[in-house]
Amino acid sequence: MSDRVWNEPRFRKANPDWRLGMPFVYVGMTGLDPDLRFDKHKAGIQANRFVFDYGLRLLPQLYEVYNPMPYEAAKDMEVELAIGLREAGYGVWQA
């Protein structure tokens, strides 16, 4: 996501340990191809506001290893990935 997301108080509150220079990312799960889902976010179709307003591109290196995955495992992995990225200093929004 764009650096401008840091100006959002809710985003800053959710990321008190963000490290300067680390990326801002959205973590979500979908049954769709990630490119298609990102396009839908950007088009405002069932969009997360932060992705709609600040999304720039996908970072396949962060998620390709997990795809495909059964639904229940994906629900757990979404949470675990967001926690792991925050611990690594990323700014993360998870819906």
C-alpha atoms as a PDB file:
ATOM      1  CA  MET A   1       0.000   0.000   0.000  1.00  0.00           C
ATOM      2  CA  SER A   2       0.991   3.587  -0.450  1.00  0.00           C
ATOM      3  CA  ASP A   3       2.921   5.330   2.327  1.00  0.00           C
ATOM      4  CA  ARG A   4      -0.074   7.677   2.607  1.00  0.00           C
ATOM      5  CA  VAL A   5      -1.937   4.950   4.543  1.00  0.00           C
ATOM      6  CA  TRP A   6       0.213   5.914   7.555  1.00  0.00           C
ATOM      7  CA  ASN A   7      -1.857   9.113   7.813  1.00  0.00           C
ATOM      8  CA  GLU A   8      -4.894   7.007   8.769  1.00  0.00           C
ATOM      9  CA  PRO A   9      -5.269   6.956  12.581  1.00  0.00           C
ATOM     10  CA  ARG A  10      -6.857   3.478  12.591  1.00  0.00           C
ATOM     11  CA  PHE A  11      -3.970   2.089  10.554  1.00  0.00           C
ATOM     12  CA  ARG A  12      -1.358   3.659  12.840  1.00  0.00           C
ATOM     13  CA  LYS A  13      -3.163   2.377  15.936  1.00  0.00           C
ATOM     14  CA  ALA A  14      -3.170  -1.162  14.494  1.00  0.00           C
ATOM     15  CA  ASN A  15       0.583  -0.976  13.842  1.00  0.00           C
ATOM     16  CA  PRO A  16       2.360   0.508  16.858  1.00  0.00           C
ATOM     17  CA  ASP A  17       5.550  -1.466  16.129  1.00  0.00           C
ATOM     18  CA  TRP A  18       5.883  -0.580  12.436  1.00  0.00           C
ATOM     19  CA  ARG A  19       9.522  -0.039  11.513  1.00  0.00           C
ATOM     20  CA  LEU A  20      10.529   2.884   9.340  1.00  0.00           C
ATOM     21  CA  GLY A  21      11.243   1.717   5.821  1.00  0.00           C
ATOM     22  CA  MET A  22       9.144  -1.445   6.002  1.00  0.00           C
ATOM     23  CA  PRO A  23       6.239  -1.862   3.562  1.00  0.00           C
ATOM     24  CA  PHE A  24       2.555  -1.344   4.282  1.00  0.00           C
ATOM     25  CA  VAL A  25       0.469  -4.366   3.268  1.00  0.00           C
ATOM     26  CA  TYR A  26      -3.064  -5.713   3.310  1.00  0.00           C
ATOM     27  CA  VAL A  27      -3.549  -9.351   4.266  1.00  0.00           C
ATOM     28  CA  GLY A  28      -6.745 -11.078   3.216  1.00  0.00           C
ATOM     29  CA  MET A  29      -7.958 -14.361   1.838  1.00  0.00           C
ATOM     30  CA  THR A  30      -9.919 -15.117  -1.288  1.00  0.00           C
ATOM     31  CA  GLY A  31     -11.071 -18.008  -3.405  1.00  0.00           C
ATOM     32  CA  LEU A  32     -10.344 -15.898  -6.487  1.00  0.00           C
ATOM     33  CA  ASP A  33      -7.101 -15.396  -8.337  1.00  0.00           C
ATOM     34  CA  PRO A  34      -5.237 -12.722  -6.313  1.00  0.00           C
ATOM     35  CA  ASP A  35      -4.867 -10.461  -9.380  1.00  0.00           C
ATOM     36  CA  LEU A  36      -8.616 -10.552  -9.991  1.00  0.00           C
ATOM     37  CA  ARG A  37      -9.370  -9.916  -6.324  1.00  0.00           C
ATOM     38  CA  PHE A  38      -7.008  -6.937  -6.250  1.00  0.00           C
ATOM     39  CA  ASP A  39      -8.683  -5.534  -9.370  1.00  0.00           C
ATOM     40  CA  LYS A  40     -12.064  -5.876  -7.658  1.00  0.00           C
ATOM     41  CA  HIS A  41     -10.791  -4.010  -4.591  1.00  0.00           C
ATOM     42  CA  LYS A  42      -9.513  -1.193  -6.814  1.00  0.00           C
ATOM     43  CA  ALA A  43     -12.832  -1.100  -8.701  1.00  0.00           C
ATOM     44  CA  GLY A  44     -14.744  -0.778  -5.429  1.00  0.00           C
ATOM     45  CA  ILE A  45     -16.358  -4.231  -5.696  1.00  0.00           C
ATOM     46  CA  GLN A  46     -16.546  -5.720  -2.183  1.00  0.00           C
ATOM     47  CA  ALA A  47     -13.516  -3.570  -1.527  1.00  0.00           C
ATOM     48  CA  ASN A  48     -11.554  -3.006   1.610  1.00  0.00           C
ATOM     49  CA  ARG A  49     -11.287   0.766   1.991  1.00  0.00           C
ATOM     50  CA  PHE A  50      -7.552   0.729   2.635  1.00  0.00           C
ATOM     51  CA  VAL A  51      -6.876  -1.338  -0.485  1.00  0.00           C
ATOM     52  CA  PHE A  52      -9.282   0.783  -2.534  1.00  0.00           C
ATOM     53  CA  ASP A  53      -7.667   4.040  -1.394  1.00  0.00           C
ATOM     54  CA  TYR A  54      -4.013   3.006  -0.973  1.00  0.00           C
ATOM     55  CA  GLY A  55      -3.419  -0.298  -2.795  1.00  0.00           C
ATOM     56  CA  LEU A  56      -0.572  -0.150  -5.295  1.00  0.00           C
ATOM     57  CA  ARG A  57       0.315  -3.705  -6.298  1.00  0.00           C
ATOM     58  CA  LEU A  58       0.446  -7.310  -5.160  1.00  0.00           C
ATOM     59  CA  LEU A  59       3.494  -8.778  -3.429  1.00  0.00           C
ATOM     60  CA  PRO A  60       3.386 -12.416  -4.634  1.00  0.00           C
ATOM     61  CA  GLN A  61       6.560 -13.280  -2.746  1.00  0.00           C
ATOM     62  CA  LEU A  62       4.535 -12.929   0.472  1.00  0.00           C
ATOM     63  CA  TYR A  63       1.676 -15.265  -0.477  1.00  0.00           C
ATOM     64  CA  GLU A  64       2.493 -17.553  -3.423  1.00  0.00           C
ATOM     65  CA  VAL A  65       3.909 -20.254  -1.164  1.00  0.00           C
ATOM     66  CA  TYR A  66       0.503 -20.601   0.534  1.00  0.00           C
ATOM     67  CA  ASN A  67      -1.665 -21.019  -2.591  1.00  0.00           C
ATOM     68  CA  PRO A  68      -3.841 -22.947  -3.073  1.00  0.00           C
ATOM     69  CA  MET A  69      -5.105 -23.726   0.407  1.00  0.00           C
ATOM     70  CA  PRO A  70      -8.355 -25.147   1.847  1.00  0.00           C
ATOM     71  CA  TYR A  71     -10.742 -22.558   3.316  1.00  0.00           C
ATOM     72  CA  GLU A  72     -10.290 -23.431   7.006  1.00  0.00           C
ATOM     73  CA  ALA A  73      -6.511 -23.458   6.705  1.00  0.00           C
ATOM     74  CA  ALA A  74      -6.642 -20.140   4.832  1.00  0.00           C
ATOM     75  CA  LYS A  75      -8.632 -18.517   7.656  1.00  0.00           C
ATOM     76  CA  ASP A  76      -5.932 -19.489  10.131  1.00  0.00           C
ATOM     77  CA  MET A  77      -3.077 -18.601   7.790  1.00  0.00           C
ATOM     78  CA  GLU A  78      -4.486 -15.109   7.185  1.00  0.00           C
ATOM     79  CA  VAL A  79      -4.192 -14.352  10.896  1.00  0.00           C
ATOM     80  CA  GLU A  80      -0.798 -16.032  11.268  1.00  0.00           C
ATOM     81  CA  LEU A  81       0.644 -14.227   8.238  1.00  0.00           C
ATOM     82  CA  ALA A  82      -0.569 -10.840   9.472  1.00  0.00           C
ATOM     83  CA  ILE A  83       0.941 -11.471  12.915  1.00  0.00           C
ATOM     84  CA  GLY A  84       4.237 -12.635  11.399  1.00  0.00           C
ATOM     85  CA  LEU A  85       4.484  -9.631   9.107  1.00  0.00           C
ATOM     86  CA  ARG A  86       3.748  -7.228  11.987  1.00  0.00           C
ATOM     87  CA  GLU A  87       6.427  -8.925  14.072  1.00  0.00           C
ATOM     88  CA  ALA A  88       8.833  -8.396  11.163  1.00  0.00           C
ATOM     89  CA  GLY A  89       8.043  -4.674  11.211  1.00  0.00           C
ATOM     90  CA  TYR A  90       5.540  -4.418   8.367  1.00  0.00           C
ATOM     91  CA  GLY A  91       2.533  -2.133   8.606  1.00  0.00           C
ATOM     92  CA  VAL A  92      -0.420  -4.517   8.162  1.00  0.00           C
ATOM     93  CA  TRP A  93      -4.138  -4.140   7.640  1.00  0.00           C
ATOM     94  CA  GLN A  94      -6.095  -7.345   8.003  1.00  0.00           C
ATOM     95  CA  ALA A  95      -9.838  -7.323   7.357  1.00  0.00           C
END
